[in-house]
Amino acid sequence: MEFCYTEFNKFLEDQGIHAERANVYSPEQNGVSEPFNYTAMDAVKAMLKDRGIGNVSWVEALFCFTYVSNRVCHEHQKKTPFELFGGRKPPVKDFKIFGTTAYVGVLRQTRSKLQMCSKKVIVVGYGLQTRGYRIWIPSERRVVETINIIFDENEVRSGAVLDPKSKNLGHYTSYSETDSEVNYDISNHESSDEVKTEVETEITIRWSQNLQLK
């Protein structure tokens, strides 16, 4: 049912493609997306297990896997999906280990004399709308995007568990270096259904682009 929504139907119509729906509970009828779904979720489980991060962060891990998957070569293809679609090789110098420990700076103007000049964060992926990284800030219980960070990839495991009530899981929010230490209200976090819908939409768009190339 993840392909039954207005945006994807419009894409099919624009491409002159006739959609044939699969029966309910019959994944074997969809030989394109279902194998990818299994591969993606197996990768997500491995990423979370390897880094010692709780399952609640599977949304971020899935975004991260999809980002990397679109930028590496696959079986029977000499070019990456990114290059096939965009006509240029993808930048890979920005690749970092999922769950890597990093530090984001706090501006001198916004911190007290005794406050640390940086905050310890966990890298959970790549920017959805920026060329930065998605990071989880444990002290503020939120996920944001930024480029102004220093990585510590020597730390093998983060041992961190994302709080299920963390703000912006699976969503774009930029990190403002002018943010001061405050207690954020997390009572209005979005439901898991809303996050699941956005993830499915993102993956569907990626696969629709891949289908367009074939």
N, C-alpha and C. Protein backbone atom coordinates (compact mmCIF):
# COMPACT_ATOMS: atom_id res chain seq x y z
N MET A 1 0.82 -1.20 0.00
CA MET A 1 0.00 0.00 0.00
C MET A 1 0.86 1.26 0.00
N GLU A 2 2.20 1.10 0.18
CA GLU A 2 3.03 2.30 0.22
C GLU A 2 3.10 3.01 -1.14
N PHE A 3 2.65 2.31 -2.22
CA PHE A 3 2.66 2.94 -3.53
C PHE A 3 1.30 3.50 -3.92
N CYS A 4 0.35 3.43 -3.03
CA CYS A 4 -1.01 3.89 -3.34
C CYS A 4 -1.25 5.27 -2.74
N TYR A 5 -0.65 6.27 -3.33
CA TYR A 5 -0.91 7.63 -2.88
C TYR A 5 -0.78 8.57 -4.07
N THR A 6 -1.27 9.77 -3.92
CA THR A 6 -1.46 10.70 -5.03
C THR A 6 -0.18 11.02 -5.77
N GLU A 7 0.90 11.31 -5.05
CA GLU A 7 2.15 11.72 -5.70
C GLU A 7 2.69 10.63 -6.61
N PHE A 8 2.66 9.38 -6.13
CA PHE A 8 3.18 8.29 -6.94
C PHE A 8 2.27 8.00 -8.13
N ASN A 9 0.96 8.10 -7.92
CA ASN A 9 0.02 7.89 -9.03
C ASN A 9 0.23 8.93 -10.12
N LYS A 10 0.53 10.17 -9.73
CA LYS A 10 0.79 11.22 -10.72
C LYS A 10 2.07 10.92 -11.49
N PHE A 11 3.08 10.41 -10.78
CA PHE A 11 4.33 10.03 -11.44
C PHE A 11 4.09 8.97 -12.51
N LEU A 12 3.30 7.95 -12.16
CA LEU A 12 2.98 6.89 -13.12
C LEU A 12 2.23 7.45 -14.32
N GLU A 13 1.29 8.33 -14.06
CA GLU A 13 0.49 8.92 -15.14
C GLU A 13 1.37 9.75 -16.07
N ASP A 14 2.29 10.52 -15.50
CA ASP A 14 3.18 11.35 -16.32
C ASP A 14 4.11 10.51 -17.18
N GLN A 15 4.47 9.33 -16.68
CA GLN A 15 5.38 8.45 -17.41
C GLN A 15 4.64 7.49 -18.33
N GLY A 16 3.32 7.55 -18.33
CA GLY A 16 2.53 6.66 -19.16
C GLY A 16 2.58 5.22 -18.70
N ILE A 17 2.69 5.02 -17.40
CA ILE A 17 2.81 3.68 -16.82
C ILE A 17 1.48 3.24 -16.24
N HIS A 18 1.06 2.03 -16.61
CA HIS A 18 -0.17 1.46 -16.05
C HIS A 18 0.19 0.67 -14.80
N ALA A 19 -0.43 1.01 -13.68
CA ALA A 19 -0.13 0.36 -12.41
C ALA A 19 -0.99 -0.88 -12.21
N GLU A 20 -0.33 -1.96 -11.83
CA GLU A 20 -1.04 -3.20 -11.49
C GLU A 20 -0.79 -3.48 -10.02
N ARG A 21 -1.83 -3.44 -9.22
CA ARG A 21 -1.69 -3.60 -7.78
C ARG A 21 -1.54 -5.06 -7.38
N ALA A 22 -0.75 -5.28 -6.34
CA ALA A 22 -0.59 -6.63 -5.79
C ALA A 22 -1.71 -6.91 -4.80
N ASN A 23 -1.99 -8.18 -4.60
CA ASN A 23 -3.00 -8.57 -3.63
C ASN A 23 -2.49 -8.33 -2.20
N VAL A 24 -3.41 -8.20 -1.28
CA VAL A 24 -3.06 -7.98 0.12
C VAL A 24 -2.31 -9.19 0.67
N TYR A 25 -1.27 -8.94 1.46
CA TYR A 25 -0.45 -9.98 2.08
C TYR A 25 0.17 -10.92 1.04
N SER A 26 0.56 -10.36 -0.08
CA SER A 26 1.21 -11.17 -1.13
C SER A 26 2.48 -10.47 -1.61
N PRO A 27 3.49 -10.36 -0.75
CA PRO A 27 4.71 -9.65 -1.12
C PRO A 27 5.44 -10.28 -2.30
N GLU A 28 5.22 -11.60 -2.50
CA GLU A 28 5.90 -12.27 -3.61
C GLU A 28 5.47 -11.75 -4.97
N GLN A 29 4.35 -11.02 -5.03
CA GLN A 29 3.88 -10.47 -6.30
C GLN A 29 4.62 -9.18 -6.67
N ASN A 30 5.36 -8.63 -5.75
CA ASN A 30 6.11 -7.41 -6.02
C ASN A 30 7.60 -7.71 -5.92
N GLY A 31 8.17 -8.10 -7.04
CA GLY A 31 9.56 -8.54 -7.05
C GLY A 31 10.58 -7.43 -7.12
N VAL A 32 10.14 -6.18 -7.13
CA VAL A 32 11.08 -5.06 -7.21
C VAL A 32 11.31 -4.43 -5.84
N SER A 33 10.24 -3.96 -5.23
CA SER A 33 10.39 -3.23 -3.97
C SER A 33 10.56 -4.14 -2.76
N GLU A 34 9.90 -5.30 -2.75
CA GLU A 34 9.96 -6.15 -1.57
C GLU A 34 11.38 -6.63 -1.25
N PRO A 35 12.17 -7.09 -2.25
CA PRO A 35 13.55 -7.47 -1.93
C PRO A 35 14.35 -6.32 -1.34
N PHE A 36 14.11 -5.11 -1.86
CA PHE A 36 14.81 -3.95 -1.30
C PHE A 36 14.39 -3.71 0.14
N ASN A 37 13.10 -3.87 0.42
CA ASN A 37 12.62 -3.66 1.79
C ASN A 37 13.30 -4.61 2.76
N TYR A 38 13.42 -5.88 2.36
CA TYR A 38 14.07 -6.87 3.22
C TYR A 38 15.54 -6.52 3.40
N THR A 39 16.21 -6.15 2.30
CA THR A 39 17.62 -5.79 2.37
C THR A 39 17.83 -4.58 3.26
N ALA A 40 16.97 -3.58 3.08
CA ALA A 40 17.10 -2.34 3.86
C ALA A 40 16.91 -2.60 5.35
N MET A 41 15.89 -3.37 5.71
CA MET A 41 15.62 -3.60 7.12
C MET A 41 16.68 -4.50 7.76
N ASP A 42 17.24 -5.45 6.98
CA ASP A 42 18.35 -6.25 7.50
C ASP A 42 19.56 -5.35 7.78
N ALA A 43 19.80 -4.41 6.88
CA ALA A 43 20.91 -3.47 7.07
C ALA A 43 20.67 -2.59 8.29
N VAL A 44 19.44 -2.13 8.44
CA VAL A 44 19.09 -1.28 9.58
C VAL A 44 19.34 -2.01 10.90
N LYS A 45 18.91 -3.26 10.97
CA LYS A 45 19.12 -4.04 12.20
C LYS A 45 20.60 -4.21 12.50
N ALA A 46 21.39 -4.45 11.45
CA ALA A 46 22.84 -4.61 11.64
C ALA A 46 23.48 -3.31 12.10
N MET A 47 23.05 -2.19 11.52
CA MET A 47 23.60 -0.88 11.90
C MET A 47 23.31 -0.56 13.36
N LEU A 48 22.08 -0.79 13.77
CA LEU A 48 21.68 -0.50 15.14
C LEU A 48 22.41 -1.41 16.14
N LYS A 49 22.53 -2.68 15.78
CA LYS A 49 23.20 -3.65 16.65
C LYS A 49 24.68 -3.33 16.77
N ASP A 50 25.32 -3.03 15.65
CA ASP A 50 26.75 -2.77 15.64
C ASP A 50 27.13 -1.56 16.46
N ARG A 51 26.28 -0.53 16.41
CA ARG A 51 26.61 0.70 17.12
C ARG A 51 26.02 0.76 18.52
N GLY A 52 25.25 -0.26 18.89
CA GLY A 52 24.68 -0.27 20.23
C GLY A 52 23.63 0.78 20.44
N ILE A 53 22.90 1.12 19.38
CA ILE A 53 21.86 2.14 19.45
C ILE A 53 20.50 1.45 19.48
N GLY A 54 19.60 1.97 20.27
CA GLY A 54 18.28 1.37 20.42
C GLY A 54 17.47 1.35 19.14
N ASN A 55 16.52 0.43 19.07
CA ASN A 55 15.69 0.27 17.87
C ASN A 55 14.82 1.47 17.56
N VAL A 56 14.61 2.35 18.53
CA VAL A 56 13.75 3.50 18.29
C VAL A 56 14.32 4.40 17.21
N SER A 57 15.63 4.31 16.95
CA SER A 57 16.27 5.16 15.95
C SER A 57 16.29 4.51 14.57
N TRP A 58 15.44 3.50 14.34
CA TRP A 58 15.46 2.80 13.05
C TRP A 58 15.11 3.72 11.89
N VAL A 59 14.31 4.76 12.15
CA VAL A 59 13.94 5.70 11.09
C VAL A 59 15.19 6.39 10.55
N GLU A 60 16.03 6.88 11.46
CA GLU A 60 17.25 7.57 11.04
C GLU A 60 18.21 6.59 10.36
N ALA A 61 18.30 5.37 10.87
CA ALA A 61 19.17 4.37 10.25
C ALA A 61 18.71 4.04 8.84
N LEU A 62 17.40 4.00 8.63
CA LEU A 62 16.86 3.70 7.30
C LEU A 62 17.16 4.82 6.31
N PHE A 63 17.02 6.07 6.75
CA PHE A 63 17.39 7.20 5.90
C PHE A 63 18.87 7.13 5.54
N CYS A 64 19.70 6.80 6.52
CA CYS A 64 21.14 6.73 6.31
C CYS A 64 21.49 5.63 5.31
N PHE A 65 20.88 4.46 5.49
CA PHE A 65 21.14 3.35 4.57
C PHE A 65 20.72 3.70 3.15
N THR A 66 19.56 4.32 2.99
CA THR A 66 19.07 4.70 1.66
C THR A 66 20.01 5.69 1.00
N TYR A 67 20.50 6.64 1.77
CA TYR A 67 21.43 7.65 1.26
C TYR A 67 22.69 6.97 0.71
N VAL A 68 23.28 6.08 1.49
CA VAL A 68 24.51 5.40 1.08
C VAL A 68 24.24 4.46 -0.08
N SER A 69 23.12 3.72 -0.02
CA SER A 69 22.78 2.76 -1.06
C SER A 69 22.66 3.41 -2.43
N ASN A 70 22.17 4.63 -2.47
CA ASN A 70 22.03 5.35 -3.74
C ASN A 70 23.36 5.87 -4.26
N ARG A 71 24.42 5.75 -3.47
CA ARG A 71 25.71 6.31 -3.85
C ARG A 71 26.81 5.27 -3.97
N VAL A 72 26.45 4.00 -4.01
CA VAL A 72 27.42 2.92 -4.23
C VAL A 72 26.91 2.04 -5.37
N CYS A 73 27.85 1.35 -6.02
CA CYS A 73 27.48 0.48 -7.14
C CYS A 73 26.81 -0.80 -6.63
N HIS A 74 25.92 -1.33 -7.44
CA HIS A 74 25.21 -2.55 -7.10
C HIS A 74 25.46 -3.63 -8.16
N GLU A 75 25.01 -4.82 -7.87
CA GLU A 75 25.21 -5.95 -8.78
C GLU A 75 24.62 -5.65 -10.15
N HIS A 76 25.40 -5.97 -11.19
CA HIS A 76 25.00 -5.80 -12.59
C HIS A 76 24.93 -4.33 -13.02
N GLN A 77 25.45 -3.43 -12.20
CA GLN A 77 25.49 -2.02 -12.57
C GLN A 77 26.89 -1.46 -12.35
N LYS A 78 27.40 -0.78 -13.37
CA LYS A 78 28.73 -0.19 -13.27
C LYS A 78 28.68 1.22 -12.70
N LYS A 79 27.48 1.78 -12.63
CA LYS A 79 27.32 3.13 -12.10
C LYS A 79 26.37 3.10 -10.90
N THR A 80 26.50 4.08 -10.07
CA THR A 80 25.62 4.18 -8.90
C THR A 80 24.25 4.71 -9.32
N PRO A 81 23.19 4.44 -8.55
CA PRO A 81 21.88 5.01 -8.86
C PRO A 81 21.93 6.54 -8.93
N PHE A 82 22.73 7.15 -8.09
CA PHE A 82 22.88 8.61 -8.10
C PHE A 82 23.40 9.09 -9.44
N GLU A 83 24.41 8.40 -9.98
CA GLU A 83 25.00 8.79 -11.26
C GLU A 83 24.06 8.49 -12.42
N LEU A 84 23.36 7.37 -12.35
CA LEU A 84 22.42 7.02 -13.42
C LEU A 84 21.29 8.04 -13.51
N PHE A 85 20.88 8.55 -12.39
CA PHE A 85 19.77 9.50 -12.38
C PHE A 85 20.23 10.93 -12.64
N GLY A 86 21.34 11.32 -12.03
CA GLY A 86 21.78 12.71 -12.12
C GLY A 86 22.85 13.00 -13.14
N GLY A 87 23.48 11.94 -13.67
CA GLY A 87 24.49 12.15 -14.71
C GLY A 87 25.86 12.53 -14.19
N ARG A 88 26.08 12.48 -12.90
CA ARG A 88 27.40 12.79 -12.34
C ARG A 88 27.68 11.88 -11.16
N LYS A 89 28.97 11.69 -10.89
CA LYS A 89 29.35 10.81 -9.80
C LYS A 89 29.01 11.45 -8.45
N PRO A 90 28.57 10.64 -7.51
CA PRO A 90 28.19 11.19 -6.19
C PRO A 90 29.41 11.50 -5.34
N PRO A 91 29.34 12.52 -4.52
CA PRO A 91 30.43 12.78 -3.57
C PRO A 91 30.36 11.77 -2.43
N VAL A 92 31.48 11.17 -2.11
CA VAL A 92 31.50 10.15 -1.04
C VAL A 92 32.47 10.50 0.08
N LYS A 93 33.14 11.63 -0.05
CA LYS A 93 34.09 12.03 0.99
C LYS A 93 33.40 12.33 2.31
N ASP A 94 32.10 12.59 2.23
CA ASP A 94 31.36 12.93 3.45
C ASP A 94 30.87 11.72 4.21
N PHE A 95 31.14 10.51 3.72
CA PHE A 95 30.67 9.30 4.39
C PHE A 95 31.30 9.17 5.79
N LYS A 96 30.45 8.90 6.75
CA LYS A 96 30.91 8.67 8.12
C LYS A 96 30.21 7.43 8.66
N ILE A 97 30.83 6.80 9.64
CA ILE A 97 30.26 5.60 10.24
C ILE A 97 28.99 5.97 11.00
N PHE A 98 27.93 5.23 10.75
CA PHE A 98 26.67 5.47 11.46
C PHE A 98 26.88 5.27 12.96
N GLY A 99 26.38 6.21 13.74
CA GLY A 99 26.53 6.12 15.19
C GLY A 99 27.83 6.68 15.72
N THR A 100 28.62 7.32 14.84
CA THR A 100 29.89 7.90 15.26
C THR A 100 29.68 9.02 16.29
N THR A 101 30.57 9.07 17.25
CA THR A 101 30.55 10.17 18.21
C THR A 101 31.13 11.42 17.57
N ALA A 102 30.54 12.56 17.83
CA ALA A 102 31.03 13.82 17.29
C ALA A 102 30.78 14.93 18.31
N TYR A 103 31.30 16.10 18.00
CA TYR A 103 31.15 17.25 18.90
C TYR A 103 30.74 18.47 18.10
N VAL A 104 29.68 19.12 18.53
CA VAL A 104 29.20 20.33 17.86
C VAL A 104 29.51 21.52 18.76
N GLY A 105 30.02 22.59 18.14
CA GLY A 105 30.46 23.75 18.90
C GLY A 105 29.32 24.61 19.43
N VAL A 106 29.59 25.25 20.55
CA VAL A 106 28.66 26.22 21.14
C VAL A 106 29.34 27.59 21.09
N LEU A 107 28.70 28.56 20.47
CA LEU A 107 29.29 29.88 20.32
C LEU A 107 29.62 30.51 21.68
N ARG A 108 30.74 31.20 21.71
CA ARG A 108 31.18 31.84 22.94
C ARG A 108 30.14 32.82 23.46
N GLN A 109 29.47 33.49 22.53
CA GLN A 109 28.48 34.50 22.92
C GLN A 109 27.25 33.89 23.62
N THR A 110 27.05 32.60 23.45
CA THR A 110 25.84 31.98 23.99
C THR A 110 26.10 31.05 25.17
N ARG A 111 27.35 30.93 25.59
CA ARG A 111 27.65 30.04 26.71
C ARG A 111 28.25 30.82 27.87
N SER A 112 28.07 30.26 29.05
CA SER A 112 28.62 30.88 30.25
C SER A 112 30.11 30.56 30.36
N LYS A 113 30.78 31.19 31.30
CA LYS A 113 32.22 31.00 31.46
C LYS A 113 32.57 29.56 31.83
N LEU A 114 31.67 28.90 32.54
CA LEU A 114 31.94 27.54 32.99
C LEU A 114 31.34 26.47 32.09
N GLN A 115 30.63 26.90 31.08
CA GLN A 115 29.99 25.94 30.17
C GLN A 115 31.00 25.42 29.16
N MET A 116 30.91 24.15 28.81
CA MET A 116 31.81 23.55 27.82
C MET A 116 31.60 24.20 26.46
N CYS A 117 32.68 24.24 25.66
CA CYS A 117 32.61 24.91 24.36
C CYS A 117 32.01 24.03 23.27
N SER A 118 31.69 22.78 23.60
CA SER A 118 31.08 21.89 22.61
C SER A 118 30.12 20.92 23.30
N LYS A 119 29.27 20.31 22.49
CA LYS A 119 28.32 19.31 22.99
C LYS A 119 28.61 17.97 22.31
N LYS A 120 28.55 16.91 23.09
CA LYS A 120 28.76 15.58 22.53
C LYS A 120 27.48 15.12 21.84
N VAL A 121 27.62 14.66 20.60
CA VAL A 121 26.45 14.24 19.82
C VAL A 121 26.73 12.91 19.14
N ILE A 122 25.70 12.33 18.55
CA ILE A 122 25.82 11.07 17.81
C ILE A 122 25.39 11.30 16.37
N VAL A 123 26.23 10.92 15.42
CA VAL A 123 25.91 11.07 14.00
C VAL A 123 24.97 9.94 13.59
N VAL A 124 23.79 10.30 13.09
CA VAL A 124 22.80 9.28 12.72
C VAL A 124 22.43 9.33 11.24
N GLY A 125 23.11 10.17 10.45
CA GLY A 125 22.79 10.18 9.02
C GLY A 125 23.24 11.45 8.33
N TYR A 126 22.65 11.65 7.16
CA TYR A 126 23.03 12.77 6.30
C TYR A 126 21.83 13.69 6.09
N GLY A 127 22.11 14.96 5.84
CA GLY A 127 21.07 15.97 5.75
C GLY A 127 19.98 15.64 4.75
N LEU A 128 18.74 15.87 5.14
CA LEU A 128 17.60 15.66 4.24
C LEU A 128 17.43 16.84 3.31
N GLN A 129 17.74 18.03 3.79
CA GLN A 129 17.57 19.24 2.99
C GLN A 129 18.82 20.12 3.00
N THR A 130 19.89 19.65 3.60
CA THR A 130 21.14 20.40 3.62
C THR A 130 22.28 19.46 3.26
N ARG A 131 23.49 20.01 3.10
CA ARG A 131 24.66 19.19 2.82
C ARG A 131 25.41 18.86 4.11
N GLY A 132 24.70 18.89 5.20
CA GLY A 132 25.30 18.59 6.48
C GLY A 132 25.00 17.18 6.95
N TYR A 133 25.06 16.98 8.25
CA TYR A 133 24.82 15.68 8.86
C TYR A 133 23.65 15.77 9.82
N ARG A 134 22.98 14.64 9.99
CA ARG A 134 21.92 14.56 10.99
C ARG A 134 22.56 14.04 12.28
N ILE A 135 22.38 14.78 13.34
CA ILE A 135 22.98 14.42 14.62
C ILE A 135 21.92 14.38 15.70
N TRP A 136 22.14 13.50 16.67
CA TRP A 136 21.27 13.43 17.83
C TRP A 136 22.00 14.06 19.00
N ILE A 137 21.36 15.02 19.64
CA ILE A 137 21.94 15.70 20.79
C ILE A 137 21.27 15.14 22.05
N PRO A 138 21.92 14.23 22.75
CA PRO A 138 21.30 13.59 23.93
C PRO A 138 20.85 14.59 24.99
N SER A 139 21.66 15.63 25.22
CA SER A 139 21.34 16.59 26.28
C SER A 139 20.09 17.40 25.98
N GLU A 140 19.72 17.47 24.69
CA GLU A 140 18.55 18.26 24.29
C GLU A 140 17.43 17.40 23.74
N ARG A 141 17.70 16.10 23.61
CA ARG A 141 16.69 15.14 23.16
C ARG A 141 16.07 15.57 21.83
N ARG A 142 16.91 15.83 20.85
CA ARG A 142 16.41 16.20 19.54
C ARG A 142 17.41 15.82 18.46
N VAL A 143 16.91 15.65 17.24
CA VAL A 143 17.73 15.36 16.07
C VAL A 143 17.72 16.59 15.17
N VAL A 144 18.91 17.05 14.77
CA VAL A 144 19.01 18.24 13.94
C VAL A 144 20.05 18.02 12.85
N GLU A 145 20.17 18.98 11.95
CA GLU A 145 21.17 18.92 10.88
C GLU A 145 22.17 20.06 11.04
N THR A 146 23.45 19.74 10.83
CA THR A 146 24.50 20.74 10.92
C THR A 146 25.73 20.26 10.17
N ILE A 147 26.63 21.17 9.85
CA ILE A 147 27.89 20.82 9.20
C ILE A 147 29.07 21.15 10.11
N ASN A 148 28.82 21.94 11.15
CA ASN A 148 29.89 22.42 12.02
C ASN A 148 30.14 21.45 13.17
N ILE A 149 30.71 20.31 12.84
CA ILE A 149 30.98 19.29 13.85
C ILE A 149 32.37 18.69 13.65
N ILE A 150 32.91 18.11 14.71
CA ILE A 150 34.18 17.40 14.68
C ILE A 150 33.90 15.94 15.02
N PHE A 151 34.41 15.02 14.19
CA PHE A 151 34.12 13.60 14.35
C PHE A 151 35.18 12.90 15.18
N ASP A 152 34.76 11.88 15.92
CA ASP A 152 35.66 11.02 16.67
C ASP A 152 35.33 9.58 16.29
N GLU A 153 35.84 9.14 15.14
CA GLU A 153 35.52 7.81 14.63
C GLU A 153 36.34 6.72 15.31
N ASN A 154 37.21 7.08 16.23
CA ASN A 154 37.99 6.09 16.97
C ASN A 154 37.15 5.39 18.03
N GLU A 155 36.04 6.02 18.39
CA GLU A 155 35.15 5.40 19.37
C GLU A 155 34.32 4.33 18.66
N VAL A 156 34.57 3.08 19.00
CA VAL A 156 33.98 1.97 18.26
C VAL A 156 32.47 1.91 18.41
N ARG A 157 31.98 2.03 19.61
CA ARG A 157 30.54 1.96 19.85
C ARG A 157 30.10 3.18 20.65
N SER A 158 28.96 3.71 20.27
CA SER A 158 28.46 4.87 20.99
C SER A 158 27.77 4.48 22.29
N GLY A 159 27.13 3.30 22.30
CA GLY A 159 26.41 2.88 23.48
C GLY A 159 25.23 3.76 23.80
N ALA A 160 24.82 4.56 22.83
CA ALA A 160 23.73 5.51 23.06
C ALA A 160 22.40 4.92 22.63
N VAL A 161 21.37 5.30 23.33
CA VAL A 161 20.02 4.88 22.97
C VAL A 161 19.17 6.11 22.78
N LEU A 162 18.67 6.31 21.56
CA LEU A 162 17.84 7.47 21.30
C LEU A 162 16.54 7.40 22.07
N ASP A 163 16.21 8.49 22.70
CA ASP A 163 14.96 8.59 23.43
C ASP A 163 13.81 8.59 22.43
N PRO A 164 12.80 7.71 22.60
CA PRO A 164 11.67 7.68 21.66
C PRO A 164 10.91 8.99 21.61
N LYS A 165 11.11 9.85 22.61
CA LYS A 165 10.43 11.14 22.62
C LYS A 165 11.31 12.26 22.06
N SER A 166 12.46 11.88 21.49
CA SER A 166 13.33 12.90 20.91
C SER A 166 12.63 13.64 19.80
N LYS A 167 12.86 14.94 19.71
CA LYS A 167 12.22 15.75 18.68
C LYS A 167 12.88 15.51 17.33
N ASN A 168 12.06 15.58 16.27
CA ASN A 168 12.52 15.62 14.89
C ASN A 168 13.08 14.30 14.37
N LEU A 169 12.74 13.18 14.98
CA LEU A 169 13.16 11.89 14.43
C LEU A 169 12.58 11.76 13.03
N GLY A 170 13.45 11.59 12.03
CA GLY A 170 12.99 11.42 10.66
C GLY A 170 12.55 12.70 9.98
N HIS A 171 12.81 13.86 10.58
CA HIS A 171 12.39 15.13 10.00
C HIS A 171 13.55 16.10 9.95
N TYR A 172 13.40 17.13 9.10
CA TYR A 172 14.46 18.12 8.95
C TYR A 172 14.33 19.24 9.97
N THR A 173 15.41 19.51 10.67
CA THR A 173 15.52 20.68 11.54
C THR A 173 16.99 21.09 11.56
N SER A 174 17.26 22.34 11.24
CA SER A 174 18.65 22.80 11.23
C SER A 174 19.10 23.10 12.65
N TYR A 175 20.41 23.03 12.85
CA TYR A 175 20.98 23.33 14.17
C TYR A 175 21.51 24.75 14.16
N SER A 176 21.01 25.56 15.05
CA SER A 176 21.47 26.94 15.18
C SER A 176 22.52 27.01 16.26
N GLU A 177 23.69 27.50 15.90
CA GLU A 177 24.78 27.58 16.88
C GLU A 177 24.49 28.60 17.96
N THR A 178 23.45 29.40 17.77
CA THR A 178 23.11 30.38 18.79
C THR A 178 22.18 29.80 19.83
N ASP A 179 21.80 28.52 19.67
CA ASP A 179 20.93 27.88 20.66
C ASP A 179 21.65 27.81 22.00
N SER A 180 20.98 28.16 23.04
CA SER A 180 21.54 28.06 24.37
C SER A 180 21.01 26.81 25.05
N GLU A 181 21.53 26.52 26.23
CA GLU A 181 21.08 25.35 26.97
C GLU A 181 19.69 25.61 27.53
N VAL A 182 18.68 24.96 26.98
CA VAL A 182 17.32 25.12 27.46
C VAL A 182 16.67 23.75 27.52
N ASN A 183 15.59 23.65 28.25
CA ASN A 183 14.82 22.42 28.33
C ASN A 183 13.72 22.46 27.28
N TYR A 184 13.77 21.56 26.32
CA TYR A 184 12.81 21.56 25.23
C TYR A 184 11.56 20.78 25.61
N ASP A 185 10.45 21.29 25.16
CA ASP A 185 9.17 20.62 25.38
C ASP A 185 9.02 19.52 24.35
N ILE A 186 8.96 18.28 24.79
CA ILE A 186 8.87 17.16 23.87
C ILE A 186 7.52 16.47 23.96
N SER A 187 6.57 17.14 24.55
CA SER A 187 5.25 16.53 24.73
C SER A 187 4.47 16.45 23.43
N ASN A 188 4.87 17.27 22.43
CA ASN A 188 4.13 17.31 21.17
C ASN A 188 4.88 16.63 20.04
N HIS A 189 5.68 15.61 20.38
CA HIS A 189 6.42 14.92 19.32
C HIS A 189 5.44 14.20 18.40
N GLU A 190 5.86 14.02 17.13
CA GLU A 190 4.98 13.42 16.14
C GLU A 190 4.85 11.93 16.36
N SER A 191 3.73 11.39 15.97
CA SER A 191 3.45 9.97 16.19
C SER A 191 4.29 9.11 15.27
N SER A 192 4.44 7.83 15.65
CA SER A 192 5.22 6.90 14.85
C SER A 192 4.58 6.67 13.49
N ASP A 193 3.26 6.79 13.40
CA ASP A 193 2.58 6.61 12.12
C ASP A 193 2.98 7.71 11.14
N GLU A 194 3.13 8.95 11.64
CA GLU A 194 3.52 10.05 10.77
C GLU A 194 4.95 9.86 10.28
N VAL A 195 5.82 9.40 11.18
CA VAL A 195 7.20 9.15 10.79
C VAL A 195 7.27 8.02 9.78
N LYS A 196 6.50 6.95 10.02
CA LYS A 196 6.48 5.80 9.12
C LYS A 196 6.03 6.23 7.73
N THR A 197 5.02 7.09 7.66
CA THR A 197 4.52 7.56 6.37
C THR A 197 5.59 8.32 5.62
N GLU A 198 6.34 9.18 6.33
CA GLU A 198 7.38 9.96 5.66
C GLU A 198 8.50 9.07 5.15
N VAL A 199 8.87 8.06 5.95
CA VAL A 199 9.92 7.13 5.52
C VAL A 199 9.47 6.38 4.27
N GLU A 200 8.23 5.88 4.28
CA GLU A 200 7.73 5.15 3.12
C GLU A 200 7.70 6.04 1.88
N THR A 201 7.32 7.30 2.06
CA THR A 201 7.29 8.23 0.94
C THR A 201 8.68 8.45 0.38
N GLU A 202 9.67 8.63 1.27
CA GLU A 202 11.04 8.85 0.84
C GLU A 202 11.56 7.66 0.05
N ILE A 203 11.33 6.45 0.57
CA ILE A 203 11.81 5.25 -0.12
C ILE A 203 11.09 5.07 -1.44
N THR A 204 9.80 5.34 -1.46
CA THR A 204 9.02 5.21 -2.69
C THR A 204 9.54 6.13 -3.77
N ILE A 205 9.86 7.37 -3.40
CA ILE A 205 10.40 8.33 -4.36
C ILE A 205 11.72 7.82 -4.92
N ARG A 206 12.59 7.28 -4.03
CA ARG A 206 13.88 6.77 -4.48
C ARG A 206 13.68 5.62 -5.47
N TRP A 207 12.71 4.74 -5.17
CA TRP A 207 12.49 3.60 -6.06
C TRP A 207 11.82 4.03 -7.35
N SER A 208 10.96 5.01 -7.30
CA SER A 208 10.33 5.49 -8.53
C SER A 208 11.37 6.11 -9.45
N GLN A 209 12.38 6.76 -8.86
CA GLN A 209 13.46 7.31 -9.66
C GLN A 209 14.28 6.19 -10.28
N ASN A 210 14.50 5.13 -9.50
CA ASN A 210 15.25 3.99 -10.01
C ASN A 210 14.51 3.30 -11.15
N LEU A 211 13.18 3.17 -11.01
CA LEU A 211 12.39 2.56 -12.06
C LEU A 211 12.42 3.39 -13.33
N GLN A 212 12.49 4.70 -13.17
CA GLN A 212 12.50 5.58 -14.32
C GLN A 212 13.74 5.37 -15.17
N LEU A 213 14.83 4.92 -14.53
CA LEU A 213 16.08 4.73 -15.24
C LEU A 213 16.13 3.43 -16.02
N LYS A 214 15.24 2.50 -15.67
CA LYS A 214 15.30 1.17 -16.29
C LYS A 214 14.53 1.16 -17.61
